[in-house]
């Protein structure tokens, strides 16, 4: 169906009859989902540095930044930042070949999201 702000619309009803409709059609706006919560900017900066080190295979440096982000997110009571940080620490341990430690961090992140 088309959306009209105001106008005339004719529909053929068969046998040559036409229906004239005059009016204002409007449909409710589509629901726009809220943007997902973002970590505090201080935490996001540390997360970015940690992930940059992670992508460069500098896992010790990544863990240092991510642990700093974890402390900062907890101090700021930033649940989203804490969840992302725990998840990213789990990813680092997974790449270091420590799946049990990675799983521990992933499980700690789940209830926070």
PDB file of N, CA and C in Angstrom:
ATOM      1  N   UNK A   1       0.855  -1.169   0.000  1.00  0.00           N
ATOM      2  CA  UNK A   1       0.000   0.000   0.000  1.00  0.00           C
ATOM      3  C   UNK A   1       0.900   1.230   0.000  1.00  0.00           C
ATOM      4  N   UNK A   2       0.492   2.233  -0.686  1.00  0.00           N
ATOM      5  CA  UNK A   2       1.273   3.458  -0.771  1.00  0.00           C
ATOM      6  C   UNK A   2       0.908   4.382   0.375  1.00  0.00           C
ATOM      7  N   UNK A   3       1.804   5.245   0.666  1.00  0.00           N
ATOM      8  CA  UNK A   3       1.610   6.205   1.741  1.00  0.00           C
ATOM      9  C   UNK A   3       1.354   7.575   1.125  1.00  0.00           C
ATOM     10  N   UNK A   4       0.256   8.209   1.508  1.00  0.00           N
ATOM     11  CA  UNK A   4      -0.096   9.529   1.008  1.00  0.00           C
ATOM     12  C   UNK A   4      -0.298  10.467   2.183  1.00  0.00           C
ATOM     13  N   UNK A   5       0.200  11.663   2.051  1.00  0.00           N
ATOM     14  CA  UNK A   5      -0.059  12.656   3.089  1.00  0.00           C
ATOM     15  C   UNK A   5      -1.491  13.154   2.963  1.00  0.00           C
ATOM     16  N   UNK A   6      -1.936  13.414   1.758  1.00  0.00           N
ATOM     17  CA  UNK A   6      -3.307  13.838   1.499  1.00  0.00           C
ATOM     18  C   UNK A   6      -3.548  13.635   0.018  1.00  0.00           C
ATOM     19  N   UNK A   7      -4.712  13.204  -0.336  1.00  0.00           N
ATOM     20  CA  UNK A   7      -4.934  13.063  -1.757  1.00  0.00           C
ATOM     21  C   UNK A   7      -6.223  12.351  -2.087  1.00  0.00           C
ATOM     22  N   UNK A   8      -6.437  12.233  -3.375  1.00  0.00           N
ATOM     23  CA  UNK A   8      -7.590  11.532  -3.908  1.00  0.00           C
ATOM     24  C   UNK A   8      -7.106  10.204  -4.452  1.00  0.00           C
ATOM     25  N   UNK A   9      -7.891   9.206  -4.252  1.00  0.00           N
ATOM     26  CA  UNK A   9      -7.495   7.887  -4.731  1.00  0.00           C
ATOM     27  C   UNK A   9      -8.728   7.210  -5.305  1.00  0.00           C
ATOM     28  N   UNK A  10      -8.608   6.655  -6.483  1.00  0.00           N
ATOM     29  CA  UNK A  10      -9.716   5.961  -7.129  1.00  0.00           C
ATOM     30  C   UNK A  10      -9.419   4.479  -7.193  1.00  0.00           C
ATOM     31  N   UNK A  11     -10.360   3.655  -6.874  1.00  0.00           N
ATOM     32  CA  UNK A  11     -10.244   2.219  -7.029  1.00  0.00           C
ATOM     33  C   UNK A  11     -11.386   1.736  -7.912  1.00  0.00           C
ATOM     34  N   UNK A  12     -11.067   0.888  -8.813  1.00  0.00           N
ATOM     35  CA  UNK A  12     -12.100   0.291  -9.645  1.00  0.00           C
ATOM     36  C   UNK A  12     -12.706  -0.864  -8.873  1.00  0.00           C
ATOM     37  N   UNK A  13     -14.014  -0.848  -8.764  1.00  0.00           N
ATOM     38  CA  UNK A  13     -14.695  -1.896  -8.017  1.00  0.00           C
ATOM     39  C   UNK A  13     -15.259  -2.970  -8.950  1.00  0.00           C
ATOM     40  N   UNK A  14     -15.027  -2.828 -10.212  1.00  0.00           N
ATOM     41  CA  UNK A  14     -15.555  -3.786 -11.176  1.00  0.00           C
ATOM     42  C   UNK A  14     -16.783  -3.212 -11.850  1.00  0.00           C
ATOM     43  N   UNK A  15     -17.080  -3.701 -13.004  1.00  0.00           N
ATOM     44  CA  UNK A  15     -18.219  -3.254 -13.795  1.00  0.00           C
ATOM     45  C   UNK A  15     -18.211  -1.744 -14.032  1.00  0.00           C
ATOM     46  N   UNK A  16     -17.040  -1.148 -14.030  1.00  0.00           N
ATOM     47  CA  UNK A  16     -16.947   0.257 -14.353  1.00  0.00           C
ATOM     48  C   UNK A  16     -17.227   1.213 -13.211  1.00  0.00           C
ATOM     49  N   UNK A  17     -17.550   0.700 -12.035  1.00  0.00           N
ATOM     50  CA  UNK A  17     -17.788   1.587 -10.894  1.00  0.00           C
ATOM     51  C   UNK A  17     -16.453   1.989 -10.280  1.00  0.00           C
ATOM     52  N   UNK A  18     -16.388   3.184  -9.808  1.00  0.00           N
ATOM     53  CA  UNK A  18     -15.175   3.659  -9.157  1.00  0.00           C
ATOM     54  C   UNK A  18     -15.523   4.144  -7.759  1.00  0.00           C
ATOM     55  N   UNK A  19     -14.590   3.958  -6.881  1.00  0.00           N
ATOM     56  CA  UNK A  19     -14.737   4.438  -5.509  1.00  0.00           C
ATOM     57  C   UNK A  19     -13.785   5.604  -5.349  1.00  0.00           C
ATOM     58  N   UNK A  20     -14.288   6.715  -4.906  1.00  0.00           N
ATOM     59  CA  UNK A  20     -13.484   7.906  -4.673  1.00  0.00           C
ATOM     60  C   UNK A  20     -13.242   8.004  -3.177  1.00  0.00           C
ATOM     61  N   UNK A  21     -11.994   8.040  -2.808  1.00  0.00           N
ATOM     62  CA  UNK A  21     -11.639   8.148  -1.396  1.00  0.00           C
ATOM     63  C   UNK A  21     -10.842   9.422  -1.220  1.00  0.00           C
ATOM     64  N   UNK A  22     -11.292  10.245  -0.331  1.00  0.00           N
ATOM     65  CA  UNK A  22     -10.595  11.479  -0.023  1.00  0.00           C
ATOM     66  C   UNK A  22     -10.178  11.387   1.432  1.00  0.00           C
ATOM     67  N   UNK A  23      -8.939  11.671   1.695  1.00  0.00           N
ATOM     68  CA  UNK A  23      -8.560  11.622   3.091  1.00  0.00           C
ATOM     69  C   UNK A  23      -7.073  11.720   3.315  1.00  0.00           C
ATOM     70  N   UNK A  24      -6.754  11.533   4.528  1.00  0.00           N
ATOM     71  CA  UNK A  24      -5.379  11.626   4.996  1.00  0.00           C
ATOM     72  C   UNK A  24      -4.962  10.243   5.473  1.00  0.00           C
ATOM     73  N   UNK A  25      -3.977   9.670   4.809  1.00  0.00           N
ATOM     74  CA  UNK A  25      -3.470   8.371   5.224  1.00  0.00           C
ATOM     75  C   UNK A  25      -2.145   8.575   5.924  1.00  0.00           C
ATOM     76  N   UNK A  26      -2.035   7.964   7.018  1.00  0.00           N
ATOM     77  CA  UNK A  26      -0.731   7.975   7.670  1.00  0.00           C
ATOM     78  C   UNK A  26      -0.573   6.664   8.416  1.00  0.00           C
ATOM     79  N   UNK A  27       0.613   6.171   8.385  1.00  0.00           N
ATOM     80  CA  UNK A  27       0.938   4.941   9.075  1.00  0.00           C
ATOM     81  C   UNK A  27       1.852   5.300  10.235  1.00  0.00           C
ATOM     82  N   UNK A  28       1.737   4.561  11.319  1.00  0.00           N
ATOM     83  CA  UNK A  28       2.632   4.875  12.440  1.00  0.00           C
ATOM     84  C   UNK A  28       4.080   4.656  12.020  1.00  0.00           C
ATOM     85  N   UNK A  29       4.969   5.477  12.515  1.00  0.00           N
ATOM     86  CA  UNK A  29       6.369   5.308  12.128  1.00  0.00           C
ATOM     87  C   UNK A  29       6.893   3.960  12.621  1.00  0.00           C
ATOM     88  N   UNK A  30       7.761   3.402  11.846  1.00  0.00           N
ATOM     89  CA  UNK A  30       8.366   2.133  12.239  1.00  0.00           C
ATOM     90  C   UNK A  30       9.170   2.343  13.524  1.00  0.00           C
ATOM     91  N   UNK A  31       9.092   1.374  14.382  1.00  0.00           N
ATOM     92  CA  UNK A  31       9.822   1.476  15.641  1.00  0.00           C
ATOM     93  C   UNK A  31      11.317   1.436  15.347  1.00  0.00           C
ATOM     94  N   UNK A  32      12.026   2.397  15.866  1.00  0.00           N
ATOM     95  CA  UNK A  32      13.471   2.455  15.707  1.00  0.00           C
ATOM     96  C   UNK A  32      14.081   1.926  16.997  1.00  0.00           C
ATOM     97  N   UNK A  33      14.813   0.823  16.878  1.00  0.00           N
ATOM     98  CA  UNK A  33      15.394   0.277  18.109  1.00  0.00           C
ATOM     99  C   UNK A  33      16.426   1.231  18.689  1.00  0.00           C
ATOM    100  N   UNK A  34      16.516   1.230  19.994  1.00  0.00           N
ATOM    101  CA  UNK A  34      17.528   2.047  20.651  1.00  0.00           C
ATOM    102  C   UNK A  34      18.902   1.511  20.296  1.00  0.00           C
ATOM    103  N   UNK A  35      19.843   2.415  20.212  1.00  0.00           N
ATOM    104  CA  UNK A  35      21.217   1.997  19.949  1.00  0.00           C
ATOM    105  C   UNK A  35      21.719   1.195  21.143  1.00  0.00           C
ATOM    106  N   UNK A  36      22.534   0.184  20.883  1.00  0.00           N
ATOM    107  CA  UNK A  36      23.058  -0.595  22.005  1.00  0.00           C
ATOM    108  C   UNK A  36      23.931   0.282  22.894  1.00  0.00           C
ATOM    109  N   UNK A  37      23.981  -0.028  24.172  1.00  0.00           N
ATOM    110  CA  UNK A  37      24.818   0.779  25.062  1.00  0.00           C
ATOM    111  C   UNK A  37      26.288   0.685  24.671  1.00  0.00           C
ATOM    112  N   UNK A  38      26.979   1.764  24.865  1.00  0.00           N
ATOM    113  CA  UNK A  38      28.400   1.824  24.528  1.00  0.00           C
ATOM    114  C   UNK A  38      29.211   1.956  25.812  1.00  0.00           C
ATOM    115  N   UNK A  39      30.432   1.425  25.812  1.00  0.00           N
ATOM    116  CA  UNK A  39      31.290   1.597  26.988  1.00  0.00           C
ATOM    117  C   UNK A  39      31.634   3.064  27.210  1.00  0.00           C
ATOM    118  N   UNK A  40      31.982   3.390  28.437  1.00  0.00           N
ATOM    119  CA  UNK A  40      32.447   4.735  28.773  1.00  0.00           C
ATOM    120  C   UNK A  40      33.634   5.061  27.858  1.00  0.00           C
ATOM    121  N   UNK A  41      33.774   6.313  27.412  1.00  0.00           N
ATOM    122  CA  UNK A  41      34.866   6.664  26.491  1.00  0.00           C
ATOM    123  C   UNK A  41      36.260   6.293  26.997  1.00  0.00           C
ATOM    124  N   UNK A  42      36.511   6.425  28.301  1.00  0.00           N
ATOM    125  CA  UNK A  42      37.824   6.041  28.837  1.00  0.00           C
ATOM    126  C   UNK A  42      38.063   4.544  28.663  1.00  0.00           C
ATOM    127  N   UNK A  43      37.023   3.776  28.919  1.00  0.00           N
ATOM    128  CA  UNK A  43      37.125   2.316  28.784  1.00  0.00           C
ATOM    129  C   UNK A  43      37.247   1.950  27.307  1.00  0.00           C
ATOM    130  N   UNK A  44      36.470   2.629  26.459  1.00  0.00           N
ATOM    131  CA  UNK A  44      36.509   2.339  25.025  1.00  0.00           C
ATOM    132  C   UNK A  44      37.907   2.582  24.446  1.00  0.00           C
ATOM    133  N   UNK A  45      38.580   3.618  24.920  1.00  0.00           N
ATOM    134  CA  UNK A  45      39.937   3.881  24.454  1.00  0.00           C
ATOM    135  C   UNK A  45      40.899   2.766  24.813  1.00  0.00           C
ATOM    136  N   UNK A  46      40.786   2.274  26.042  1.00  0.00           N
ATOM    137  CA  UNK A  46      41.648   1.165  26.464  1.00  0.00           C
ATOM    138  C   UNK A  46      41.293  -0.118  25.707  1.00  0.00           C
ATOM    139  N   UNK A  47      40.013  -0.332  25.476  1.00  0.00           N
ATOM    140  CA  UNK A  47      39.594  -1.498  24.693  1.00  0.00           C
ATOM    141  C   UNK A  47      40.173  -1.436  23.283  1.00  0.00           C
ATOM    142  N   UNK A  48      40.138  -0.261  22.684  1.00  0.00           N
ATOM    143  CA  UNK A  48      40.673  -0.106  21.327  1.00  0.00           C
ATOM    144  C   UNK A  48      42.171  -0.404  21.289  1.00  0.00           C
ATOM    145  N   UNK A  49      42.899   0.101  22.281  1.00  0.00           N
ATOM    146  CA  UNK A  49      44.334  -0.169  22.334  1.00  0.00           C
ATOM    147  C   UNK A  49      44.595  -1.657  22.546  1.00  0.00           C
ATOM    148  N   UNK A  50      43.797  -2.272  23.404  1.00  0.00           N
ATOM    149  CA  UNK A  50      43.959  -3.706  23.650  1.00  0.00           C
ATOM    150  C   UNK A  50      43.677  -4.529  22.406  1.00  0.00           C
ATOM    151  N   UNK A  51      42.639  -4.163  21.666  1.00  0.00           N
ATOM    152  CA  UNK A  51      42.311  -4.920  20.470  1.00  0.00           C
ATOM    153  C   UNK A  51      43.306  -4.669  19.343  1.00  0.00           C
ATOM    154  N   UNK A  52      43.881  -3.480  19.329  1.00  0.00           N
ATOM    155  CA  UNK A  52      44.933  -3.201  18.346  1.00  0.00           C
ATOM    156  C   UNK A  52      46.147  -4.093  18.610  1.00  0.00           C
ATOM    157  N   UNK A  53      46.524  -4.215  19.874  1.00  0.00           N
ATOM    158  CA  UNK A  53      47.640  -5.092  20.235  1.00  0.00           C
ATOM    159  C   UNK A  53      47.290  -6.556  19.937  1.00  0.00           C
ATOM    160  N   UNK A  54      46.044  -6.938  20.207  1.00  0.00           N
ATOM    161  CA  UNK A  54      45.571  -8.302  19.944  1.00  0.00           C
ATOM    162  C   UNK A  54      45.701  -8.624  18.454  1.00  0.00           C
ATOM    163  N   UNK A  55      45.272  -7.697  17.611  1.00  0.00           N
ATOM    164  CA  UNK A  55      45.329  -7.924  16.167  1.00  0.00           C
ATOM    165  C   UNK A  55      46.767  -7.949  15.642  1.00  0.00           C
ATOM    166  N   UNK A  56      47.685  -7.350  16.392  1.00  0.00           N
ATOM    167  CA  UNK A  56      49.102  -7.382  16.028  1.00  0.00           C
ATOM    168  C   UNK A  56      49.810  -8.572  16.677  1.00  0.00           C
ATOM    169  N   UNK A  57      49.039  -9.483  17.280  1.00  0.00           N
ATOM    170  CA  UNK A  57      49.558 -10.689  17.951  1.00  0.00           C
ATOM    171  C   UNK A  57      50.470 -10.360  19.128  1.00  0.00           C
ATOM    172  N   UNK A  58      50.260  -9.197  19.734  1.00  0.00           N
ATOM    173  CA  UNK A  58      51.006  -8.809  20.941  1.00  0.00           C
ATOM    174  C   UNK A  58      50.083  -9.079  22.129  1.00  0.00           C
ATOM    175  N   UNK A  59      49.953 -10.353  22.461  1.00  0.00           N
ATOM    176  CA  UNK A  59      48.949 -10.766  23.438  1.00  0.00           C
ATOM    177  C   UNK A  59      49.233 -10.276  24.855  1.00  0.00           C
ATOM    178  N   UNK A  60      50.509 -10.212  25.241  1.00  0.00           N
ATOM    179  CA  UNK A  60      50.832  -9.700  26.585  1.00  0.00           C
ATOM    180  C   UNK A  60      50.449  -8.228  26.714  1.00  0.00           C
ATOM    181  N   UNK A  61      50.739  -7.460  25.670  1.00  0.00           N
ATOM    182  CA  UNK A  61      50.371  -6.046  25.676  1.00  0.00           C
ATOM    183  C   UNK A  61      48.846  -5.886  25.648  1.00  0.00           C
ATOM    184  N   UNK A  62      48.178  -6.740  24.898  1.00  0.00           N
ATOM    185  CA  UNK A  62      46.713  -6.702  24.839  1.00  0.00           C
ATOM    186  C   UNK A  62      46.117  -6.963  26.217  1.00  0.00           C
ATOM    187  N   UNK A  63      46.649  -7.958  26.904  1.00  0.00           N
ATOM    188  CA  UNK A  63      46.149  -8.276  28.250  1.00  0.00           C
ATOM    189  C   UNK A  63      46.386  -7.115  29.213  1.00  0.00           C
ATOM    190  N   UNK A  64      47.507  -6.434  29.063  1.00  0.00           N
ATOM    191  CA  UNK A  64      47.790  -5.289  29.934  1.00  0.00           C
ATOM    192  C   UNK A  64      46.739  -4.196  29.733  1.00  0.00           C
ATOM    193  N   UNK A  65      46.457  -3.844  28.492  1.00  0.00           N
ATOM    194  CA  UNK A  65      45.437  -2.820  28.220  1.00  0.00           C
ATOM    195  C   UNK A  65      44.044  -3.279  28.658  1.00  0.00           C
ATOM    196  N   UNK A  66      43.739  -4.539  28.379  1.00  0.00           N
ATOM    197  CA  UNK A  66      42.407  -5.037  28.713  1.00  0.00           C
ATOM    198  C   UNK A  66      42.202  -5.142  30.222  1.00  0.00           C
ATOM    199  N   UNK A  67      43.227  -5.526  30.957  1.00  0.00           N
ATOM    200  CA  UNK A  67      43.100  -5.559  32.423  1.00  0.00           C
ATOM    201  C   UNK A  67      42.950  -4.154  32.988  1.00  0.00           C
ATOM    202  N   UNK A  68      43.624  -3.201  32.374  1.00  0.00           N
ATOM    203  CA  UNK A  68      43.462  -1.799  32.779  1.00  0.00           C
ATOM    204  C   UNK A  68      42.027  -1.331  32.483  1.00  0.00           C
ATOM    205  N   UNK A  69      41.500  -1.734  31.337  1.00  0.00           N
ATOM    206  CA  UNK A  69      40.112  -1.398  30.983  1.00  0.00           C
ATOM    207  C   UNK A  69      39.132  -2.040  31.947  1.00  0.00           C
ATOM    208  N   UNK A  70      39.432  -3.251  32.397  1.00  0.00           N
ATOM    209  CA  UNK A  70      38.563  -3.941  33.346  1.00  0.00           C
ATOM    210  C   UNK A  70      38.508  -3.198  34.680  1.00  0.00           C
ATOM    211  N   UNK A  71      39.663  -2.778  35.168  1.00  0.00           N
ATOM    212  CA  UNK A  71      39.711  -2.013  36.423  1.00  0.00           C
ATOM    213  C   UNK A  71      38.942  -0.703  36.268  1.00  0.00           C
ATOM    214  N   UNK A  72      39.153  -0.014  35.146  1.00  0.00           N
ATOM    215  CA  UNK A  72      38.492   1.274  34.908  1.00  0.00           C
ATOM    216  C   UNK A  72      36.978   1.091  34.780  1.00  0.00           C
ATOM    217  N   UNK A  73      36.540   0.071  34.062  1.00  0.00           N
ATOM    218  CA  UNK A  73      35.098  -0.136  33.882  1.00  0.00           C
ATOM    219  C   UNK A  73      34.419  -0.465  35.212  1.00  0.00           C
ATOM    220  N   UNK A  74      35.079  -1.218  36.054  1.00  0.00           N
ATOM    221  CA  UNK A  74      34.502  -1.531  37.372  1.00  0.00           C
ATOM    222  C   UNK A  74      34.459  -0.299  38.257  1.00  0.00           C
ATOM    223  N   UNK A  75      35.496   0.536  38.181  1.00  0.00           N
ATOM    224  CA  UNK A  75      35.518   1.757  38.985  1.00  0.00           C
ATOM    225  C   UNK A  75      34.404   2.715  38.550  1.00  0.00           C
ATOM    226  N   UNK A  76      34.115   2.727  37.241  1.00  0.00           N
ATOM    227  CA  UNK A  76      33.071   3.610  36.715  1.00  0.00           C
ATOM    228  C   UNK A  76      31.680   2.969  36.735  1.00  0.00           C
ATOM    229  N   UNK A  77      31.618   1.716  37.200  1.00  0.00           N
ATOM    230  CA  UNK A  77      30.360   0.954  37.200  1.00  0.00           C
ATOM    231  C   UNK A  77      29.771   0.887  35.782  1.00  0.00           C
ATOM    232  N   UNK A  78      30.651   0.674  34.822  1.00  0.00           N
ATOM    233  CA  UNK A  78      30.298   0.591  33.400  1.00  0.00           C
ATOM    234  C   UNK A  78      30.123  -0.882  33.035  1.00  0.00           C
ATOM    235  N   UNK A  79      28.886  -1.369  33.123  1.00  0.00           N
ATOM    236  CA  UNK A  79      28.604  -2.789  32.887  1.00  0.00           C
ATOM    237  C   UNK A  79      28.902  -3.201  31.444  1.00  0.00           C
ATOM    238  N   UNK A  80      28.547  -2.352  30.484  1.00  0.00           N
ATOM    239  CA  UNK A  80      28.811  -2.685  29.083  1.00  0.00           C
ATOM    240  C   UNK A  80      30.307  -2.767  28.829  1.00  0.00           C
ATOM    241  N   UNK A  81      31.054  -1.812  29.358  1.00  0.00           N
ATOM    242  CA  UNK A  81      32.502  -1.835  29.202  1.00  0.00           C
ATOM    243  C   UNK A  81      33.126  -3.050  29.868  1.00  0.00           C
ATOM    244  N   UNK A  82      32.609  -3.397  31.041  1.00  0.00           N
ATOM    245  CA  UNK A  82      33.129  -4.574  31.750  1.00  0.00           C
ATOM    246  C   UNK A  82      32.840  -5.839  30.952  1.00  0.00           C
ATOM    247  N   UNK A  83      31.635  -5.952  30.403  1.00  0.00           N
ATOM    248  CA  UNK A  83      31.270  -7.141  29.631  1.00  0.00           C
ATOM    249  C   UNK A  83      32.151  -7.274  28.388  1.00  0.00           C
ATOM    250  N   UNK A  84      32.334  -6.186  27.665  1.00  0.00           N
ATOM    251  CA  UNK A  84      33.171  -6.237  26.462  1.00  0.00           C
ATOM    252  C   UNK A  84      34.615  -6.566  26.812  1.00  0.00           C
ATOM    253  N   UNK A  85      35.091  -6.009  27.904  1.00  0.00           N
ATOM    254  CA  UNK A  85      36.466  -6.265  28.316  1.00  0.00           C
ATOM    255  C   UNK A  85      36.656  -7.730  28.688  1.00  0.00           C
ATOM    256  N   UNK A  86      35.738  -8.280  29.470  1.00  0.00           N
ATOM    257  CA  UNK A  86      35.837  -9.697  29.847  1.00  0.00           C
ATOM    258  C   UNK A  86      35.799 -10.591  28.615  1.00  0.00           C
ATOM    259  N   UNK A  87      34.930 -10.256  27.676  1.00  0.00           N
ATOM    260  CA  UNK A  87      34.842 -11.041  26.445  1.00  0.00           C
ATOM    261  C   UNK A  87      36.157 -10.972  25.669  1.00  0.00           C
ATOM    262  N   UNK A  88      36.728  -9.785  25.559  1.00  0.00           N
ATOM    263  CA  UNK A  88      37.977  -9.627  24.811  1.00  0.00           C
ATOM    264  C   UNK A  88      39.147 -10.327  25.505  1.00  0.00           C
ATOM    265  N   UNK A  89      39.164 -10.306  26.831  1.00  0.00           N
ATOM    266  CA  UNK A  89      40.208 -11.043  27.558  1.00  0.00           C
ATOM    267  C   UNK A  89      40.064 -12.537  27.264  1.00  0.00           C
ATOM    268  N   UNK A  90      38.825 -13.015  27.223  1.00  0.00           N
ATOM    269  CA  UNK A  90      38.592 -14.416  26.866  1.00  0.00           C
ATOM    270  C   UNK A  90      39.134 -14.737  25.481  1.00  0.00           C
ATOM    271  N   UNK A  91      38.956 -13.824  24.533  1.00  0.00           N
ATOM    272  CA  UNK A  91      39.465 -14.046  23.181  1.00  0.00           C
ATOM    273  C   UNK A  91      40.988 -14.134  23.166  1.00  0.00           C
ATOM    274  N   UNK A  92      41.634 -13.306  23.971  1.00  0.00           N
ATOM    275  CA  UNK A  92      43.100 -13.346  24.041  1.00  0.00           C
ATOM    276  C   UNK A  92      43.554 -14.699  24.591  1.00  0.00           C
ATOM    277  N   UNK A  93      42.927 -15.141  25.677  1.00  0.00           N
ATOM    278  CA  UNK A  93      43.326 -16.433  26.254  1.00  0.00           C
ATOM    279  C   UNK A  93      43.020 -17.580  25.302  1.00  0.00           C
ATOM    280  N   UNK A  94      41.955 -17.449  24.530  1.00  0.00           N
ATOM    281  CA  UNK A  94      41.644 -18.481  23.543  1.00  0.00           C
ATOM    282  C   UNK A  94      42.762 -18.563  22.507  1.00  0.00           C
ATOM    283  N   UNK A  95      43.259 -17.427  22.062  1.00  0.00           N
ATOM    284  CA  UNK A  95      44.357 -17.421  21.097  1.00  0.00           C
ATOM    285  C   UNK A  95      45.686 -17.842  21.702  1.00  0.00           C
ATOM    286  N   UNK A  96      45.799 -17.728  23.002  1.00  0.00           N
ATOM    287  CA  UNK A  96      47.019 -18.188  23.680  1.00  0.00           C
ATOM    288  C   UNK A  96      46.981 -19.691  23.954  1.00  0.00           C
ATOM    289  N   UNK A  97      45.906 -20.334  23.537  1.00  0.00           N
ATOM    290  CA  UNK A  97      45.797 -21.785  23.735  1.00  0.00           C
ATOM    291  C   UNK A  97      45.377 -22.165  25.140  1.00  0.00           C
ATOM    292  N   UNK A  98      44.640 -21.276  25.824  1.00  0.00           N
ATOM    293  CA  UNK A  98      44.151 -21.557  27.181  1.00  0.00           C
ATOM    294  C   UNK A  98      42.618 -21.512  27.165  1.00  0.00           C
ATOM    295  N   UNK A  99      41.970 -22.525  26.571  1.00  0.00           N
ATOM    296  CA  UNK A  99      40.520 -22.477  26.398  1.00  0.00           C
ATOM    297  C   UNK A  99      39.732 -22.450  27.705  1.00  0.00           C
ATOM    298  N   UNK A 100      40.241 -23.097  28.742  1.00  0.00           N
ATOM    299  CA  UNK A 100      39.501 -23.097  30.007  1.00  0.00           C
ATOM    300  C   UNK A 100      39.481 -21.705  30.625  1.00  0.00           C
ATOM    301  N   UNK A 101      40.611 -21.017  30.568  1.00  0.00           N
ATOM    302  CA  UNK A 101      40.678 -19.654  31.087  1.00  0.00           C
ATOM    303  C   UNK A 101      39.812 -18.717  30.229  1.00  0.00           C
ATOM    304  N   UNK A 102      39.821 -18.948  28.908  1.00  0.00           N
ATOM    305  CA  UNK A 102      38.977 -18.158  28.008  1.00  0.00           C
ATOM    306  C   UNK A 102      37.509 -18.365  28.349  1.00  0.00           C
ATOM    307  N   UNK A 103      37.115 -19.606  28.568  1.00  0.00           N
ATOM    308  CA  UNK A 103      35.727 -19.916  28.905  1.00  0.00           C
ATOM    309  C   UNK A 103      35.314 -19.237  30.206  1.00  0.00           C
ATOM    310  N   UNK A 104      36.215 -19.188  31.168  1.00  0.00           N
ATOM    311  CA  UNK A 104      35.934 -18.527  32.443  1.00  0.00           C
ATOM    312  C   UNK A 104      35.591 -17.044  32.211  1.00  0.00           C
ATOM    313  N   UNK A 105      36.368 -16.375  31.385  1.00  0.00           N
ATOM    314  CA  UNK A 105      36.108 -14.956  31.109  1.00  0.00           C
ATOM    315  C   UNK A 105      34.827 -14.764  30.304  1.00  0.00           C
ATOM    316  N   UNK A 106      34.586 -15.633  29.333  1.00  0.00           N
ATOM    317  CA  UNK A 106      33.342 -15.539  28.559  1.00  0.00           C
ATOM    318  C   UNK A 106      32.125 -15.694  29.473  1.00  0.00           C
ATOM    319  N   UNK A 107      32.201 -16.651  30.397  1.00  0.00           N
ATOM    320  CA  UNK A 107      31.069 -16.884  31.305  1.00  0.00           C
ATOM    321  C   UNK A 107      30.865 -15.714  32.262  1.00  0.00           C
ATOM    322  N   UNK A 108      31.926 -15.061  32.656  1.00  0.00           N
ATOM    323  CA  UNK A 108      31.800 -13.885  33.531  1.00  0.00           C
ATOM    324  C   UNK A 108      31.196 -12.698  32.781  1.00  0.00           C
ATOM    325  N   UNK A 109      31.379 -12.658  31.454  1.00  0.00           N
ATOM    326  CA  UNK A 109      30.835 -11.545  30.664  1.00  0.00           C
ATOM    327  C   UNK A 109      29.332 -11.706  30.417  1.00  0.00           C
ATOM    328  N   UNK A 110      28.846 -12.931  30.309  1.00  0.00           N
ATOM    329  CA  UNK A 110      27.463 -13.173  29.921  1.00  0.00           C
ATOM    330  C   UNK A 110      26.419 -12.467  30.799  1.00  0.00           C
ATOM    331  N   UNK A 111      26.470 -12.600  32.111  1.00  0.00           N
ATOM    332  CA  UNK A 111      25.404 -11.960  32.915  1.00  0.00           C
ATOM    333  C   UNK A 111      25.411 -10.435  32.863  1.00  0.00           C
ATOM    334  N   UNK A 112      26.489  -9.845  32.406  1.00  0.00           N
ATOM    335  CA  UNK A 112      26.589  -8.384  32.371  1.00  0.00           C
ATOM    336  C   UNK A 112      25.956  -7.790  31.125  1.00  0.00           C
ATOM    337  N   UNK A 113      25.750  -8.598  30.101  1.00  0.00           N
ATOM    338  CA  UNK A 113      25.236  -8.051  28.833  1.00  0.00           C
ATOM    339  C   UNK A 113      23.747  -8.029  28.808  1.00  0.00           C
TER     340      UNK A 113
END
